[in-house]
Amino acid sequence: MVGPKTFCPGELWLDEQGVPINAHGGGILHHEGRYYWYGEHKIEGEAGNRAEVGVHVYSSGDLYQWKDEGVALKVSDDPQNEIARGCILERPKVIFNRATGKFVMWFHLELNGIGYSSARSGIAVADQPTGPFQYLKSVRPNAGAWPINVPDEWKKPLDAEETVRIKQAEFPGNLVPHYQLYQIFRRDFAEGQMARDMNLFVDDDGTAYHIYSSEENGVLHISQLSDDYLQPSGRYVRVFPGRFHEAPALMKRRGKYYLISSDCTGWNPNAARSAMADSIWGPWVELGNPCLGTESQKSTTFESQSTFILPVTDKEDAFIFMADRWRPKNAIDGRYVWLPIQFEKERPLLEWKDRWDLEIFAAK
């Protein structure tokens, strides 16, 4: 069990009231000296893989001890509501907009009863970090906008033959032999791009970005948000076409951008991936698996999947890799794996630690 001033990856983590923390697929916002942890509130059994409660939020001053601040965004009892009870609401992230004074939440949303075919992004806002958040809308990002890093020859609608071929194709969410590198984003041009596993990142200048698995999970998109963070700006890039990344998490260190993500294997863990770029727009260069350890640890990312990278304030080069151990048969029993990110020159590395604390990082 996690101790008062230690992290114990994979062990049960209790809040200040002695109740297991219920914030899965989460991310953390640091605001006015306090950390806020947002995540999916799970219930017992397989029913917990759908949203029956909403987004839970906890707060902390030290990252070890967490106060339960309640449900920040509640699902609706209205079956016509987009976030009706039983929808799929995953990987919620919150950022603060200094210009508007609003806390903005984005999450991956699948509407009730249609599996993972919606591939939408939900957006909610609040006046306080603990909420309550007001649900605004969902979008398929960047409708009517072409990615900025594709040749002009591909910036055109599908022709009749391509349309028939892509309608006949099946896309299970992982690599298939018939995957079409330059057709899916064109198919989705008018109605907006697919958006599943996602994250948010705010750069040093206050510009916010939405990073998400798109094009039937075959491509990552990095999309700039509007100044108020409430919608896509229409400016985005395709990253690693055909490589099938999900679970993206982004950080910035010494002027360079780093990405940690995973392969697409459903609930089953797989080997993590890392990449680096001098600009958030790329080009991105893959750096390989960041995990050190046994073959089992490396091939399963310590039996977990990335959800967020947390910069620690008041520490030098201090970043925490946040990941979840999914338990789809009993969703509420999913465990959190937090590990310090180490660096070998410009390469991020992860090594298993049964117990660790923030003293591993140097003070600024």
Protein backbone atom coordinates (compact mmCIF):
# COMPACT_ATOMS: atom_id res chain seq x y z
CA MET A 1 0.00 0.00 0.00
CA VAL A 2 1.22 3.49 -0.81
CA GLY A 3 2.91 5.09 2.18
CA PRO A 4 2.53 8.65 3.49
CA LYS A 5 5.55 9.99 1.60
CA THR A 6 6.27 7.34 -0.99
CA PHE A 7 4.95 6.07 -4.31
CA CYS A 8 4.43 2.31 -4.60
CA PRO A 9 3.57 1.59 -8.25
CA GLY A 10 0.79 -0.92 -8.78
CA GLU A 11 -0.22 -1.10 -5.12
CA LEU A 12 -3.52 0.05 -3.66
CA TRP A 13 -3.56 3.84 -3.24
CA LEU A 14 -5.92 5.27 -0.63
CA ASP A 15 -7.17 8.86 -0.30
CA GLU A 16 -7.12 10.81 2.98
CA GLN A 17 -10.29 9.01 4.12
CA GLY A 18 -8.80 5.57 3.53
CA VAL A 19 -10.82 4.91 0.36
CA PRO A 20 -9.09 3.69 -2.85
CA ILE A 21 -8.50 6.57 -5.28
CA ASN A 22 -10.95 6.28 -8.18
CA ALA A 23 -9.45 8.35 -11.02
CA HIS A 24 -8.53 6.05 -13.89
CA GLY A 25 -7.06 7.08 -17.23
CA GLY A 26 -6.29 10.33 -15.50
CA GLY A 27 -4.29 13.50 -15.77
CA ILE A 28 -3.17 16.21 -13.36
CA LEU A 29 -3.48 19.99 -13.34
CA HIS A 30 -1.24 22.13 -11.12
CA HIS A 31 -2.98 25.36 -10.13
CA GLU A 32 -2.07 27.91 -7.45
CA GLY A 33 0.16 25.56 -5.50
CA ARG A 34 -2.14 22.54 -5.55
CA TYR A 35 -2.38 19.48 -7.77
CA TYR A 36 -5.74 18.25 -9.12
CA TRP A 37 -6.05 14.66 -10.32
CA TYR A 38 -8.94 13.98 -12.72
CA GLY A 39 -9.90 10.50 -13.86
CA GLU A 40 -12.66 8.09 -14.78
CA HIS A 41 -14.80 7.01 -11.82
CA LYS A 42 -15.11 3.23 -12.16
CA ILE A 43 -17.60 0.84 -10.60
CA GLU A 44 -17.23 -2.89 -9.97
CA GLY A 45 -17.31 -5.48 -12.71
CA GLU A 46 -17.34 -5.09 -16.47
CA ALA A 47 -20.02 -2.39 -16.16
CA GLY A 48 -17.22 -0.15 -14.90
CA ASN A 49 -15.81 0.05 -18.42
CA ARG A 50 -18.65 2.47 -19.17
CA ALA A 51 -19.38 5.78 -17.48
CA GLU A 52 -21.89 5.22 -14.70
CA VAL A 53 -20.79 8.14 -12.50
CA GLY A 54 -18.51 10.57 -14.35
CA VAL A 55 -15.13 12.22 -13.80
CA HIS A 56 -13.74 12.14 -10.24
CA VAL A 57 -11.32 14.77 -8.93
CA TYR A 58 -8.82 14.70 -6.03
CA SER A 59 -6.49 17.43 -4.78
CA SER A 60 -3.07 17.33 -3.15
CA GLY A 61 -0.31 19.63 -1.99
CA ASP A 62 2.46 17.02 -2.15
CA LEU A 63 1.38 14.35 -4.70
CA TYR A 64 1.38 11.64 -2.01
CA GLN A 65 -1.77 12.39 -0.03
CA TRP A 66 -4.99 13.08 -1.92
CA LYS A 67 -8.23 14.67 -0.78
CA ASP A 68 -11.46 13.47 -2.38
CA GLU A 69 -13.07 16.52 -4.00
CA GLY A 70 -16.03 14.58 -5.41
CA VAL A 71 -17.35 14.13 -8.93
CA ALA A 72 -16.24 17.04 -11.12
CA LEU A 73 -18.38 16.09 -14.12
CA LYS A 74 -21.46 13.92 -13.67
CA VAL A 75 -23.02 11.78 -16.37
CA SER A 76 -26.64 12.58 -17.21
CA ASP A 77 -29.76 10.59 -16.41
CA ASP A 78 -31.27 11.88 -19.66
CA PRO A 79 -30.80 9.11 -22.28
CA GLN A 80 -30.78 11.77 -25.03
CA ASN A 81 -27.79 13.56 -23.50
CA GLU A 82 -24.45 12.89 -25.18
CA ILE A 83 -22.89 11.99 -21.83
CA ALA A 84 -25.82 9.85 -20.70
CA ARG A 85 -25.13 7.18 -18.11
CA GLY A 86 -23.59 4.18 -19.85
CA CYS A 87 -21.66 6.12 -22.47
CA ILE A 88 -17.91 5.60 -22.83
CA LEU A 89 -16.06 8.55 -21.29
CA GLU A 90 -12.30 8.05 -21.18
CA ARG A 91 -9.01 9.82 -20.39
CA PRO A 92 -10.34 13.16 -19.07
CA LYS A 93 -7.81 15.99 -18.96
CA VAL A 94 -8.18 19.54 -17.58
CA ILE A 95 -6.21 22.69 -18.41
CA PHE A 96 -6.60 26.26 -17.15
CA ASN A 97 -7.10 29.15 -19.54
CA ARG A 98 -5.50 32.27 -18.02
CA ALA A 99 -7.23 34.63 -20.44
CA THR A 100 -10.78 33.43 -19.72
CA GLY A 101 -10.27 32.19 -16.15
CA LYS A 102 -11.99 28.93 -17.08
CA PHE A 103 -10.98 25.35 -16.37
CA VAL A 104 -11.45 23.35 -19.56
CA MET A 105 -11.92 19.57 -19.69
CA TRP A 106 -11.55 17.42 -22.78
CA PHE A 107 -12.17 13.66 -22.95
CA HIS A 108 -12.67 10.81 -25.40
CA LEU A 109 -16.40 10.21 -25.84
CA GLU A 110 -18.29 7.32 -27.38
CA LEU A 111 -22.05 7.76 -27.50
CA ASN A 112 -24.32 5.19 -25.90
CA GLY A 113 -24.97 1.91 -27.62
CA ILE A 114 -22.72 2.14 -30.68
CA GLY A 115 -19.40 0.84 -29.42
CA TYR A 116 -16.34 2.82 -30.45
CA SER A 117 -17.68 4.17 -33.72
CA SER A 118 -18.40 7.73 -32.51
CA ALA A 119 -14.72 8.62 -31.88
CA ARG A 120 -15.59 12.08 -30.54
CA SER A 121 -14.06 14.58 -28.12
CA GLY A 122 -16.20 15.92 -25.29
CA ILE A 123 -15.66 19.41 -23.86
CA ALA A 124 -16.74 20.84 -20.50
CA VAL A 125 -15.91 23.98 -18.49
CA ALA A 126 -15.90 25.12 -14.87
CA ASP A 127 -15.09 28.19 -12.79
CA GLN A 128 -13.25 26.17 -10.13
CA PRO A 129 -10.76 23.32 -10.53
CA THR A 130 -13.00 20.95 -8.57
CA GLY A 131 -16.03 21.82 -10.69
CA PRO A 132 -18.85 21.32 -11.15
CA PHE A 133 -18.01 21.15 -14.84
CA GLN A 134 -20.70 22.04 -17.35
CA TYR A 135 -20.79 19.83 -20.41
CA LEU A 136 -20.78 21.95 -23.56
CA LYS A 137 -20.60 19.70 -26.60
CA SER A 138 -18.67 17.03 -28.44
CA VAL A 139 -16.81 17.37 -31.72
CA ARG A 140 -15.05 15.41 -34.38
CA PRO A 141 -11.95 17.65 -34.52
CA ASN A 142 -10.96 19.85 -37.43
CA ALA A 143 -13.95 19.42 -39.70
CA GLY A 144 -13.26 21.11 -43.03
CA ALA A 145 -9.52 21.49 -42.36
CA TRP A 146 -6.66 19.68 -44.02
CA PRO A 147 -3.58 18.62 -42.03
CA ILE A 148 -0.72 21.02 -42.60
CA ASN A 149 1.91 18.34 -43.22
CA VAL A 150 0.45 16.43 -46.17
CA PRO A 151 1.20 17.16 -49.84
CA ASP A 152 -1.35 19.23 -51.72
CA GLU A 153 -2.05 16.27 -54.00
CA TRP A 154 -3.77 14.50 -51.07
CA LYS A 155 -5.89 17.47 -50.04
CA LYS A 156 -8.95 16.40 -51.99
CA PRO A 157 -12.13 14.38 -51.36
CA LEU A 158 -12.20 10.67 -52.09
CA ASP A 159 -13.09 9.73 -55.62
CA ALA A 160 -15.87 7.22 -56.33
CA GLU A 161 -13.56 4.19 -56.44
CA GLU A 162 -11.81 5.14 -53.17
CA THR A 163 -15.16 5.71 -51.48
CA VAL A 164 -16.39 2.22 -52.36
CA ARG A 165 -13.13 0.59 -51.32
CA ILE A 166 -12.96 2.29 -47.94
CA LYS A 167 -16.61 1.52 -47.18
CA GLN A 168 -15.93 -2.16 -47.78
CA ALA A 169 -12.84 -2.22 -45.55
CA GLU A 170 -12.97 -3.31 -41.93
CA PHE A 171 -10.95 -1.44 -39.32
CA PRO A 172 -10.70 -3.25 -35.94
CA GLY A 173 -8.57 -0.50 -34.37
CA ASN A 174 -5.20 -2.13 -34.92
CA LEU A 175 -2.94 -2.84 -37.88
CA VAL A 176 -4.58 -4.44 -40.91
CA PRO A 177 -2.95 -5.30 -44.26
CA HIS A 178 -5.34 -3.10 -46.23
CA TYR A 179 -4.83 0.04 -44.12
CA GLN A 180 -4.94 3.08 -46.40
CA LEU A 181 -2.45 5.76 -45.40
CA TYR A 182 -3.96 8.63 -47.37
CA GLN A 183 -7.67 7.87 -47.51
CA ILE A 184 -9.17 7.97 -44.01
CA PHE A 185 -8.45 11.60 -43.13
CA ARG A 186 -9.90 12.52 -46.52
CA ARG A 187 -13.00 10.43 -45.84
CA ASP A 188 -13.49 12.35 -42.57
CA PHE A 189 -12.64 15.82 -43.92
CA ALA A 190 -16.20 17.18 -43.96
CA GLU A 191 -17.50 15.80 -40.65
CA GLY A 192 -14.24 15.95 -38.69
CA GLN A 193 -11.47 13.57 -37.77
CA MET A 194 -11.84 10.55 -35.50
CA ALA A 195 -10.52 11.14 -31.96
CA ARG A 196 -10.07 8.32 -29.44
CA ASP A 197 -7.26 8.03 -26.83
CA MET A 198 -6.23 11.59 -26.09
CA ASN A 199 -4.27 14.07 -24.03
CA LEU A 200 -3.85 17.83 -23.64
CA PHE A 201 -0.64 19.84 -23.51
CA VAL A 202 -0.13 23.57 -22.82
CA ASP A 203 3.11 25.03 -24.16
CA ASP A 204 5.19 27.74 -22.52
CA ASP A 205 3.42 30.48 -24.50
CA GLY A 206 -0.03 29.33 -23.35
CA THR A 207 -0.95 27.65 -26.63
CA ALA A 208 -2.87 24.43 -26.00
CA TYR A 209 -2.77 21.24 -28.04
CA HIS A 210 -5.02 18.20 -28.30
CA ILE A 211 -3.18 14.94 -29.05
CA TYR A 212 -5.34 12.00 -30.08
CA SER A 213 -5.47 8.66 -31.91
CA SER A 214 -7.19 9.16 -35.23
CA GLU A 215 -7.84 7.59 -38.62
CA GLU A 216 -9.06 4.26 -37.19
CA ASN A 217 -6.19 4.45 -34.62
CA GLY A 218 -3.58 4.33 -37.40
CA VAL A 219 -2.30 7.90 -37.00
CA LEU A 220 -1.73 10.34 -34.15
CA HIS A 221 -2.94 13.91 -34.65
CA ILE A 222 -1.50 16.91 -32.84
CA SER A 223 -4.06 19.69 -33.05
CA GLN A 224 -3.80 23.28 -31.85
CA LEU A 225 -6.80 24.48 -29.86
CA SER A 226 -8.50 27.86 -30.15
CA ASP A 227 -7.38 30.66 -27.82
CA ASP A 228 -10.22 29.84 -25.39
CA TYR A 229 -9.34 26.08 -25.52
CA LEU A 230 -12.97 25.24 -26.36
CA GLN A 231 -12.56 24.02 -29.92
CA PRO A 232 -9.98 22.92 -32.49
CA SER A 233 -8.28 25.76 -34.35
CA GLY A 234 -8.15 23.89 -37.67
CA ARG A 235 -4.35 23.65 -37.56
CA TYR A 236 -3.09 20.08 -37.06
CA VAL A 237 -0.52 17.51 -38.19
CA ARG A 238 -0.56 13.77 -38.80
CA VAL A 239 2.17 11.95 -36.85
CA PHE A 240 3.48 8.42 -37.58
CA PRO A 241 0.96 7.45 -40.29
CA GLY A 242 0.22 3.74 -40.24
CA ARG A 243 2.10 3.06 -36.97
CA PHE A 244 -1.02 2.64 -34.80
CA HIS A 245 -0.25 4.59 -31.65
CA GLU A 246 -2.59 5.18 -28.71
CA ALA A 247 -2.32 6.37 -25.09
CA PRO A 248 -0.31 9.49 -26.06
CA ALA A 249 1.37 11.56 -23.34
CA LEU A 250 3.43 14.66 -24.10
CA MET A 251 6.07 16.70 -22.25
CA LYS A 252 8.62 19.42 -22.95
CA ARG A 253 12.18 19.42 -21.60
CA ARG A 254 14.98 21.85 -22.43
CA GLY A 255 13.17 23.10 -25.51
CA LYS A 256 12.47 19.66 -26.96
CA TYR A 257 9.16 17.82 -27.08
CA TYR A 258 8.79 14.20 -26.00
CA LEU A 259 6.01 11.72 -26.60
CA ILE A 260 5.35 8.42 -24.84
CA SER A 261 2.62 6.22 -26.28
CA SER A 262 1.71 2.59 -26.87
CA ASP A 263 0.71 0.12 -29.53
CA CYS A 264 -2.98 -0.74 -30.03
CA THR A 265 -3.74 -4.01 -28.22
CA GLY A 266 -7.02 -3.24 -26.46
CA TRP A 267 -6.95 -3.78 -22.70
CA ASN A 268 -3.77 -5.88 -22.95
CA PRO A 269 -0.52 -4.06 -22.14
CA ASN A 270 2.25 -3.77 -24.72
CA ALA A 271 5.66 -2.21 -25.19
CA ALA A 272 5.73 1.57 -24.82
CA ARG A 273 7.08 3.85 -27.52
CA SER A 274 8.92 7.15 -27.23
CA ALA A 275 9.64 9.95 -29.67
CA MET A 276 11.23 13.39 -29.77
CA ALA A 277 10.89 16.58 -31.84
CA ASP A 278 12.37 20.07 -31.88
CA SER A 279 8.94 21.48 -32.76
CA ILE A 280 5.57 20.23 -31.64
CA TRP A 281 4.66 20.13 -35.33
CA GLY A 282 7.51 17.73 -36.00
CA PRO A 283 9.24 16.06 -37.60
CA TRP A 284 8.97 13.46 -34.83
CA VAL A 285 11.70 10.83 -34.48
CA GLU A 286 10.99 7.56 -32.71
CA LEU A 287 13.41 6.68 -29.91
CA GLY A 288 12.20 3.15 -29.20
CA ASN A 289 10.92 1.51 -26.04
CA PRO A 290 11.78 3.70 -23.00
CA CYS A 291 11.43 0.84 -20.50
CA LEU A 292 14.39 -0.84 -18.83
CA GLY A 293 14.26 -4.17 -17.01
CA THR A 294 13.25 -7.74 -17.75
CA GLU A 295 11.80 -8.77 -21.10
CA SER A 296 8.38 -9.05 -19.45
CA GLN A 297 8.64 -5.55 -17.97
CA LYS A 298 9.75 -4.06 -21.26
CA SER A 299 7.17 -5.86 -23.40
CA THR A 300 4.25 -4.83 -21.15
CA THR A 301 5.41 -1.42 -19.86
CA PHE A 302 5.36 -2.88 -16.34
CA GLU A 303 1.83 -4.25 -17.07
CA SER A 304 0.47 -0.76 -17.66
CA GLN A 305 -0.34 1.87 -20.28
CA SER A 306 0.51 5.58 -20.30
CA THR A 307 -2.13 8.14 -19.35
CA PHE A 308 -0.18 11.37 -18.61
CA ILE A 309 3.26 12.87 -18.01
CA LEU A 310 3.31 15.11 -14.95
CA PRO A 311 5.89 17.91 -14.60
CA VAL A 312 6.76 18.28 -10.91
CA THR A 313 7.07 21.88 -9.72
CA ASP A 314 10.14 23.04 -7.80
CA LYS A 315 12.25 20.17 -9.13
CA GLU A 316 14.81 20.11 -11.93
CA ASP A 317 14.02 17.91 -14.95
CA ALA A 318 11.31 16.26 -12.87
CA PHE A 319 8.65 14.35 -14.79
CA ILE A 320 6.43 11.51 -13.58
CA PHE A 321 5.19 8.85 -15.99
CA MET A 322 1.58 8.12 -15.07
CA ALA A 323 0.05 4.85 -16.26
CA ASP A 324 -2.87 2.55 -15.49
CA ARG A 325 -3.11 -1.20 -15.08
CA TRP A 326 -6.47 -1.89 -16.66
CA ARG A 327 -8.75 -4.53 -15.13
CA PRO A 328 -11.63 -4.84 -17.61
CA LYS A 329 -13.23 -7.75 -15.72
CA ASN A 330 -13.38 -5.61 -12.57
CA ALA A 331 -12.72 -2.04 -13.71
CA ILE A 332 -12.65 -0.47 -10.24
CA ASP A 333 -9.60 -2.58 -9.33
CA GLY A 334 -7.37 -0.95 -11.95
CA ARG A 335 -4.11 0.20 -10.34
CA TYR A 336 -1.90 3.23 -10.91
CA VAL A 337 1.74 2.98 -11.94
CA TRP A 338 3.74 6.16 -11.36
CA LEU A 339 7.46 6.10 -12.19
CA PRO A 340 10.12 8.82 -12.44
CA ILE A 341 11.30 9.58 -15.95
CA GLN A 342 15.07 9.44 -16.20
CA PHE A 343 17.11 10.76 -19.10
CA GLU A 344 20.10 9.34 -20.92
CA LYS A 345 21.24 12.39 -22.86
CA GLU A 346 18.06 13.19 -24.81
CA ARG A 347 16.31 9.84 -24.39
CA PRO A 348 13.61 9.32 -21.70
CA LEU A 349 13.88 6.08 -19.75
CA LEU A 350 11.63 4.22 -17.32
CA GLU A 351 12.86 1.76 -14.72
CA TRP A 352 10.74 -0.18 -12.24
CA LYS A 353 10.85 0.88 -8.60
CA ASP A 354 8.89 -0.88 -5.85
CA ARG A 355 9.01 2.29 -3.76
CA TRP A 356 10.28 5.79 -4.46
CA ASP A 357 9.80 9.44 -3.53
CA LEU A 358 10.35 12.91 -4.97
CA GLU A 359 13.86 13.12 -3.54
CA ILE A 360 14.92 11.23 -6.65
CA PHE A 361 14.67 14.58 -8.44
CA ALA A 362 17.06 17.45 -7.77
CA ALA A 363 15.64 20.70 -6.34
CA LYS A 364 15.64 23.73 -8.62
